Amino acid sequence: MSENRIPASTEQIKKKRNYRKDKPWDNDPTLDKWKIDEFKPEDNPNGLLEESKFSVLFPQYREKYIKEIWPLVKKELKRFQITAELNLTEGSMTVFTSKKTWDPYIIIKARDMIKLLARSTPFDQAKRILEDGVDCDIIKLKGITKSKEKFIKRRQRLVGPNGMTLKALQLLTNCYILVQGTTVCAIGGFKDLAAVRRVVEDAMMNIHPIYNIKELMIKRELAKKGELANEDWSRFLPHFKKQNQKRKEKKKKKKEKKEYTPFPPEQQPRKIDLMMESGEYFLSQEQKDQMKTSAKKKAAKEKHEIKKKQKEDVFIPPNEDKLFADRKRKIVEQEEGESLSELKKKFTSHKKPKLSES
């Protein structure tokens, strides 16, 4: 009897299965369980409870472009029931939700769009941010390097000759990348943006972008092969060693030691003392202004005379006797050179007589 008895745990599972109804996704092989459906107005018919608002300032040189494309921006945001305002006196762009807005996250996307427009991104690329699955990343370069010269060199290294390095990075990551001032704007997928950020930060930390581009190319080829999808790719990836190049040491200038004196240096005269010596201290403000204007006029007059003299020098005829003498000298030198070369050829062409064999 004990052998035919069913365990209590299996009985409980069977009871649960009896009451469980079949779901439409249980036996459908064509159904993608991980697919995220598009958020539609039917999903949120009541709209939003509170109004959200974001404002972004833009530089003065972008005013003309933003003014031209602003009707297109309003038209694009109207599809999602988002209102946009442009304030030219303040130099700001504002986006806010309305009662008809159904998507709660679209205001964040609209904020990112006006941020990109302020960062010199063209409208055709900036409007892509409103699509699902498209994100943006604004990478700040300022503060990574202290030296301004190093910063400019490394930023140029990221762009490459004729923008070739940036173009290669865009093709490998499927992202739009724009280097502007002290920031880098990138638009694309979430994983691709992480790769772009890594390359940009490494470039500013003195790691050449070509190493990361090589790695991305290898990863792209490995992703195409299905058998290597779940394997570790570290054995295929290149490992670059750091090379410390020896640089020429700058010669330090030796400071000349001054003779030791127990007495302190002589006290320098104050500005007021110098003015009192020259008599400028006792002049009125009008007299001082007159002195400044007269000094400026004198300097301008001298500069004008120098320029006038330079212009007049062009019209002065050259000394013809000197020109003829130079030409004659050149002709004589040329003839002497030719005669010397002829003599040299004559002596070199003359063969030595062979000695008779004894």
Protein backbone atom coordinates (compact mmCIF):
# COMPACT_ATOMS: atom_id res chain seq x y z
CA MET A 1 0.00 0.00 0.00
CA SER A 2 2.86 2.37 0.85
CA GLU A 3 4.37 1.85 -2.64
CA ASN A 4 1.17 3.04 -4.47
CA ARG A 5 0.82 6.11 -2.29
CA ILE A 6 1.57 9.50 -4.15
CA PRO A 7 3.71 12.08 -2.29
CA ALA A 8 1.87 15.11 -0.80
CA SER A 9 3.98 17.67 -2.80
CA THR A 10 2.92 16.21 -6.20
CA GLU A 11 -0.74 16.21 -5.11
CA GLN A 12 -0.54 19.97 -4.34
CA ILE A 13 1.02 20.74 -7.76
CA LYS A 14 -1.73 18.76 -9.55
CA LYS A 15 -4.46 20.63 -7.66
CA LYS A 16 -2.91 24.00 -8.66
CA ARG A 17 -2.70 22.95 -12.30
CA ASN A 18 -6.36 21.94 -12.32
CA TYR A 19 -7.47 25.47 -11.42
CA ARG A 20 -4.93 27.23 -13.72
CA LYS A 21 -6.33 28.49 -17.04
CA ASP A 22 -4.29 28.41 -20.26
CA LYS A 23 -2.78 31.77 -21.23
CA PRO A 24 -2.49 32.94 -24.87
CA TRP A 25 1.33 33.11 -24.64
CA ASP A 26 1.78 29.53 -23.31
CA ASN A 27 1.66 27.61 -26.58
CA ASP A 28 2.34 30.36 -29.19
CA PRO A 29 5.91 29.98 -30.57
CA THR A 30 5.66 33.12 -32.76
CA LEU A 31 4.96 35.39 -29.77
CA ASP A 32 7.92 37.46 -28.52
CA LYS A 33 7.58 37.59 -24.72
CA TRP A 34 10.25 40.31 -24.33
CA LYS A 35 8.77 42.75 -26.84
CA ILE A 36 7.74 46.12 -25.39
CA ASP A 37 4.61 47.41 -27.11
CA GLU A 38 4.25 51.04 -28.14
CA PHE A 39 2.56 53.29 -25.57
CA LYS A 40 -0.66 54.57 -27.18
CA PRO A 41 -3.36 57.11 -26.12
CA GLU A 42 -5.73 54.18 -25.39
CA ASP A 43 -3.35 52.99 -22.62
CA ASN A 44 -3.83 56.25 -20.66
CA PRO A 45 -7.21 57.80 -21.61
CA ASN A 46 -7.44 59.99 -18.46
CA GLY A 47 -4.17 61.88 -19.15
CA LEU A 48 -1.74 63.27 -16.55
CA LEU A 49 -2.68 64.75 -13.15
CA GLU A 50 0.02 67.44 -12.87
CA GLU A 51 1.84 69.71 -15.35
CA SER A 52 5.58 69.12 -15.87
CA LYS A 53 7.84 71.84 -17.23
CA PHE A 54 11.48 72.03 -18.36
CA SER A 55 13.46 75.04 -19.58
CA VAL A 56 16.87 75.12 -21.34
CA LEU A 57 19.05 78.14 -22.17
CA PHE A 58 20.81 78.35 -25.56
CA PRO A 59 23.83 80.41 -26.73
CA GLN A 60 23.43 83.55 -28.83
CA TYR A 61 25.01 82.06 -31.97
CA ARG A 62 22.23 79.39 -32.06
CA GLU A 63 19.41 81.98 -31.99
CA LYS A 64 19.11 82.34 -35.79
CA TYR A 65 18.94 78.56 -36.42
CA ILE A 66 16.48 77.85 -33.58
CA LYS A 67 14.23 80.71 -34.75
CA GLU A 68 14.10 79.16 -38.25
CA ILE A 69 13.32 75.58 -37.15
CA TRP A 70 11.00 76.42 -34.20
CA PRO A 71 7.73 75.84 -36.21
CA LEU A 72 9.04 72.32 -37.06
CA VAL A 73 9.84 71.68 -33.37
CA LYS A 74 6.31 72.71 -32.32
CA LYS A 75 4.80 70.51 -35.05
CA GLU A 76 6.86 67.49 -33.94
CA LEU A 77 5.95 67.91 -30.26
CA LYS A 78 2.25 68.49 -31.04
CA ARG A 79 1.96 64.80 -32.03
CA PHE A 80 2.51 63.96 -28.33
CA GLN A 81 0.39 66.89 -27.03
CA ILE A 82 3.48 68.73 -25.71
CA THR A 83 3.54 72.55 -25.83
CA ALA A 84 6.78 74.41 -26.65
CA GLU A 85 7.69 78.06 -26.11
CA LEU A 86 10.66 80.11 -27.38
CA ASN A 87 11.80 83.19 -25.42
CA LEU A 88 14.34 85.19 -27.47
CA THR A 89 14.77 87.98 -24.90
CA GLU A 90 15.77 85.49 -22.20
CA GLY A 91 17.40 83.06 -24.68
CA SER A 92 15.52 79.96 -23.49
CA MET A 93 13.38 77.09 -24.79
CA THR A 94 10.56 75.67 -22.62
CA VAL A 95 8.50 72.48 -22.95
CA PHE A 96 5.53 71.50 -20.77
CA THR A 97 2.76 68.92 -20.70
CA SER A 98 -0.95 69.60 -21.23
CA LYS A 99 -4.14 67.85 -20.05
CA LYS A 100 -4.24 65.86 -23.29
CA THR A 101 -0.71 64.38 -22.88
CA TRP A 102 -1.00 60.60 -22.45
CA ASP A 103 2.67 59.49 -22.30
CA PRO A 104 4.26 60.41 -18.91
CA TYR A 105 7.86 59.90 -20.12
CA ILE A 106 7.60 61.99 -23.32
CA ILE A 107 8.32 65.21 -21.38
CA ILE A 108 11.80 63.84 -20.51
CA LYS A 109 12.37 63.05 -24.20
CA ALA A 110 11.22 66.57 -25.15
CA ARG A 111 13.65 68.05 -22.60
CA ASP A 112 16.52 66.02 -24.11
CA MET A 113 15.52 67.23 -27.58
CA ILE A 114 15.75 70.95 -26.68
CA LYS A 115 19.03 70.22 -24.84
CA LEU A 116 20.48 68.74 -28.03
CA LEU A 117 19.25 71.71 -30.10
CA ALA A 118 21.04 74.07 -27.69
CA ARG A 119 24.22 71.96 -28.11
CA SER A 120 24.40 72.59 -31.92
CA THR A 121 22.74 69.29 -32.91
CA PRO A 122 20.76 69.59 -36.20
CA PHE A 123 16.97 69.25 -35.91
CA ASP A 124 16.81 66.14 -38.17
CA GLN A 125 18.98 64.24 -35.68
CA ALA A 126 17.53 65.79 -32.49
CA LYS A 127 13.94 64.74 -33.31
CA ARG A 128 15.03 61.06 -33.35
CA ILE A 129 15.15 61.20 -29.54
CA LEU A 130 11.32 61.16 -29.44
CA GLU A 131 11.31 57.61 -30.88
CA ASP A 132 11.16 54.53 -28.61
CA GLY A 133 14.49 52.80 -28.04
CA VAL A 134 16.52 55.93 -28.89
CA ASP A 135 18.40 57.74 -26.10
CA CYS A 136 20.98 60.49 -25.90
CA ASP A 137 24.10 61.13 -23.85
CA ILE A 138 25.89 64.46 -23.37
CA ILE A 139 29.49 63.71 -22.33
CA LYS A 140 31.33 66.58 -20.63
CA LEU A 141 35.05 66.79 -21.50
CA LYS A 142 35.94 69.77 -19.33
CA GLY A 143 38.00 69.01 -16.24
CA ILE A 144 39.49 65.70 -17.46
CA THR A 145 42.72 67.43 -18.54
CA LYS A 146 44.17 70.49 -16.83
CA SER A 147 46.26 71.72 -19.77
CA LYS A 148 44.37 73.53 -22.55
CA GLU A 149 46.88 72.39 -25.22
CA LYS A 150 46.44 68.71 -24.24
CA PHE A 151 42.66 69.12 -24.26
CA ILE A 152 42.65 70.53 -27.84
CA LYS A 153 45.05 67.81 -29.11
CA ARG A 154 43.06 64.94 -27.58
CA ARG A 155 39.73 66.33 -28.78
CA GLN A 156 41.17 66.62 -32.31
CA ARG A 157 42.44 63.03 -32.02
CA LEU A 158 38.85 61.95 -31.32
CA VAL A 159 37.63 63.70 -34.50
CA GLY A 160 40.57 62.45 -36.60
CA PRO A 161 41.89 63.72 -39.96
CA ASN A 162 38.93 65.05 -41.99
CA GLY A 163 36.58 63.56 -39.34
CA MET A 164 37.47 59.95 -40.34
CA THR A 165 37.87 58.60 -36.76
CA LEU A 166 34.47 60.03 -35.75
CA LYS A 167 32.87 58.56 -38.90
CA ALA A 168 34.30 55.09 -38.14
CA LEU A 169 32.99 55.32 -34.57
CA GLN A 170 29.53 56.29 -35.85
CA LEU A 171 29.41 53.29 -38.23
CA LEU A 172 30.53 50.80 -35.55
CA THR A 173 28.19 52.04 -32.79
CA ASN A 174 25.19 53.05 -35.01
CA CYS A 175 25.11 56.39 -33.13
CA TYR A 176 25.13 60.01 -34.24
CA ILE A 177 28.12 61.73 -32.56
CA LEU A 178 28.79 65.49 -32.49
CA VAL A 179 31.88 67.08 -30.92
CA GLN A 180 31.10 70.68 -29.96
CA GLY A 181 33.20 72.83 -27.60
CA THR A 182 33.68 71.03 -24.29
CA THR A 183 30.93 68.43 -24.84
CA VAL A 184 30.21 65.40 -27.03
CA CYS A 185 26.57 64.65 -27.93
CA ALA A 186 25.63 61.09 -28.88
CA ILE A 187 22.22 59.77 -30.07
CA GLY A 188 21.50 56.04 -30.35
CA GLY A 189 20.69 52.84 -28.46
CA PHE A 190 21.43 52.43 -24.74
CA LYS A 191 24.25 49.86 -25.14
CA ASP A 192 25.80 51.75 -28.07
CA LEU A 193 25.87 54.98 -26.01
CA ALA A 194 27.83 53.19 -23.26
CA ALA A 195 30.44 52.16 -25.87
CA VAL A 196 30.67 55.74 -27.20
CA ARG A 197 31.14 57.15 -23.67
CA ARG A 198 33.95 54.65 -23.00
CA VAL A 199 35.79 55.59 -26.23
CA VAL A 200 35.41 59.35 -25.59
CA GLU A 201 36.58 59.17 -21.96
CA ASP A 202 39.55 56.94 -22.93
CA ALA A 203 40.53 59.40 -25.69
CA MET A 204 40.60 62.25 -23.16
CA MET A 205 42.66 60.05 -20.79
CA ASN A 206 45.36 59.74 -23.52
CA ILE A 207 44.27 56.33 -24.94
CA HIS A 208 44.06 56.59 -28.73
CA PRO A 209 40.55 55.89 -30.16
CA ILE A 210 42.03 53.49 -32.77
CA TYR A 211 42.54 50.81 -30.06
CA ASN A 212 38.87 50.93 -29.05
CA ILE A 213 37.79 51.01 -32.72
CA LYS A 214 39.80 47.80 -33.37
CA GLU A 215 38.11 46.15 -30.38
CA LEU A 216 34.63 47.20 -31.59
CA MET A 217 35.36 45.81 -35.08
CA ILE A 218 36.36 42.41 -33.63
CA LYS A 219 33.26 42.33 -31.39
CA ARG A 220 31.06 43.13 -34.40
CA GLU A 221 32.49 40.18 -36.36
CA LEU A 222 32.16 37.82 -33.36
CA ALA A 223 28.51 38.82 -32.86
CA LYS A 224 27.72 37.57 -36.38
CA LYS A 225 28.86 34.05 -35.47
CA GLY A 226 26.06 32.22 -33.64
CA GLU A 227 28.27 29.53 -32.02
CA LEU A 228 30.30 32.20 -30.16
CA ALA A 229 27.27 34.15 -28.86
CA ASN A 230 27.41 32.66 -25.32
CA GLU A 231 31.21 32.34 -25.06
CA ASP A 232 33.87 34.55 -23.52
CA TRP A 233 35.43 36.84 -26.16
CA SER A 234 38.45 37.97 -24.14
CA ARG A 235 40.77 35.50 -25.97
CA PHE A 236 39.91 37.12 -29.33
CA LEU A 237 40.27 40.74 -28.17
CA PRO A 238 43.67 42.51 -28.46
CA HIS A 239 45.62 43.40 -25.30
CA PHE A 240 47.68 46.54 -25.78
CA LYS A 241 50.60 47.21 -23.46
CA LYS A 242 51.46 50.69 -22.31
CA GLN A 243 54.66 52.04 -23.82
CA ASN A 244 56.44 54.72 -21.84
CA GLN A 245 58.40 56.71 -24.41
CA LYS A 246 61.49 58.51 -23.21
CA ARG A 247 61.27 62.21 -23.74
CA LYS A 248 64.06 64.73 -23.96
CA GLU A 249 64.68 66.29 -20.61
CA LYS A 250 64.47 70.03 -20.63
CA LYS A 251 67.62 71.71 -19.44
CA LYS A 252 66.95 73.63 -16.30
CA LYS A 253 68.32 77.14 -16.27
CA LYS A 254 70.58 77.67 -13.33
CA LYS A 255 69.70 80.70 -11.31
CA GLU A 256 72.61 83.02 -10.65
CA LYS A 257 73.20 83.39 -6.97
CA LYS A 258 73.21 86.99 -5.85
CA GLU A 259 75.78 88.25 -3.42
CA TYR A 260 74.60 88.15 0.16
CA THR A 261 73.96 91.50 1.75
CA PRO A 262 72.71 91.95 5.30
CA PHE A 263 70.88 95.13 4.33
CA PRO A 264 67.32 95.01 2.91
CA PRO A 265 66.69 96.21 -0.69
CA GLU A 266 65.97 99.85 -1.34
CA GLN A 267 62.29 100.77 -1.05
CA GLN A 268 60.63 101.35 -4.43
CA PRO A 269 58.77 104.64 -5.00
CA ARG A 270 54.98 104.53 -4.92
CA LYS A 271 52.79 105.34 -7.90
CA ILE A 272 51.72 108.60 -6.27
CA ASP A 273 55.38 109.57 -5.69
CA LEU A 274 56.16 109.05 -9.39
CA MET A 275 53.12 111.10 -10.38
CA MET A 276 54.22 113.90 -8.04
CA GLU A 277 57.72 113.87 -9.57
CA SER A 278 56.35 114.15 -13.12
CA GLY A 279 53.78 116.77 -12.06
CA GLU A 280 50.82 114.66 -13.22
CA TYR A 281 49.46 114.43 -9.69
CA PHE A 282 48.61 118.15 -9.60
CA LEU A 283 46.78 118.17 -12.95
CA SER A 284 42.99 118.22 -13.19
CA GLN A 285 40.97 115.37 -14.78
CA GLU A 286 40.44 117.36 -17.99
CA GLN A 287 44.19 117.99 -18.35
CA LYS A 288 44.91 114.29 -17.79
CA ASP A 289 42.39 113.33 -20.49
CA GLN A 290 43.99 115.86 -22.87
CA MET A 291 47.42 114.31 -22.25
CA LYS A 292 46.06 110.81 -23.02
CA THR A 293 44.35 111.93 -26.24
CA SER A 294 47.45 113.83 -27.42
CA ALA A 295 49.63 110.74 -26.75
CA LYS A 296 47.19 108.56 -28.72
CA LYS A 297 47.14 111.02 -31.63
CA LYS A 298 50.94 111.16 -31.68
CA ALA A 299 51.20 107.34 -31.79
CA ALA A 300 48.57 107.15 -34.55
CA LYS A 301 50.40 109.83 -36.59
CA GLU A 302 53.68 107.92 -36.35
CA LYS A 303 51.99 104.69 -37.42
CA HIS A 304 50.33 106.48 -40.36
CA GLU A 305 53.70 107.88 -41.52
CA ILE A 306 55.32 104.42 -41.42
CA LYS A 307 52.49 102.92 -43.51
CA LYS A 308 52.66 105.84 -45.96
CA LYS A 309 56.40 105.32 -46.38
CA GLN A 310 55.88 101.56 -47.02
CA LYS A 311 53.33 102.35 -49.76
CA GLU A 312 55.63 104.94 -51.38
CA ASP A 313 58.60 102.50 -51.40
CA VAL A 314 56.75 100.34 -53.97
CA PHE A 315 56.77 103.19 -56.52
CA ILE A 316 60.50 104.03 -56.15
CA PRO A 317 62.33 102.82 -59.34
CA PRO A 318 65.21 100.34 -58.83
CA ASN A 319 68.87 101.28 -59.46
CA GLU A 320 69.48 100.18 -63.08
CA ASP A 321 73.29 100.33 -62.91
CA LYS A 322 73.28 97.90 -60.02
CA LEU A 323 70.89 95.55 -61.88
CA PHE A 324 73.11 95.52 -65.01
CA ALA A 325 76.22 94.88 -62.89
CA ASP A 326 74.53 91.90 -61.17
CA ARG A 327 73.43 90.41 -64.50
CA LYS A 328 76.93 90.82 -65.99
CA ARG A 329 78.50 89.13 -62.95
CA LYS A 330 76.10 86.16 -63.24
CA ILE A 331 76.90 85.72 -66.98
CA VAL A 332 80.68 85.76 -66.29
CA GLU A 333 80.28 83.20 -63.46
CA GLN A 334 78.20 80.94 -65.72
CA GLU A 335 80.82 81.08 -68.56
CA GLU A 336 83.65 80.32 -66.12
CA GLY A 337 81.69 77.40 -64.74
CA GLU A 338 81.08 75.98 -68.24
CA SER A 339 84.77 76.27 -69.19
CA LEU A 340 85.77 74.48 -65.97
CA SER A 341 83.30 71.64 -66.61
CA GLU A 342 84.65 71.21 -70.17
CA LEU A 343 88.23 70.94 -68.92
CA LYS A 344 87.16 68.39 -66.30
CA LYS A 345 85.48 66.25 -68.96
CA LYS A 346 88.59 66.46 -71.17
CA PHE A 347 90.88 65.18 -68.42
CA THR A 348 88.51 62.42 -67.27
CA SER A 349 87.86 61.16 -70.82
CA HIS A 350 91.65 60.84 -71.56
CA LYS A 351 92.52 57.18 -70.97
CA LYS A 352 95.79 56.13 -69.39
CA PRO A 353 98.11 54.05 -71.65
CA LYS A 354 98.26 50.36 -70.74
CA LEU A 355 101.62 49.02 -69.55
CA SER A 356 103.15 46.31 -71.74
CA GLU A 357 103.33 42.87 -70.16
CA SER A 358 106.89 41.79 -69.43
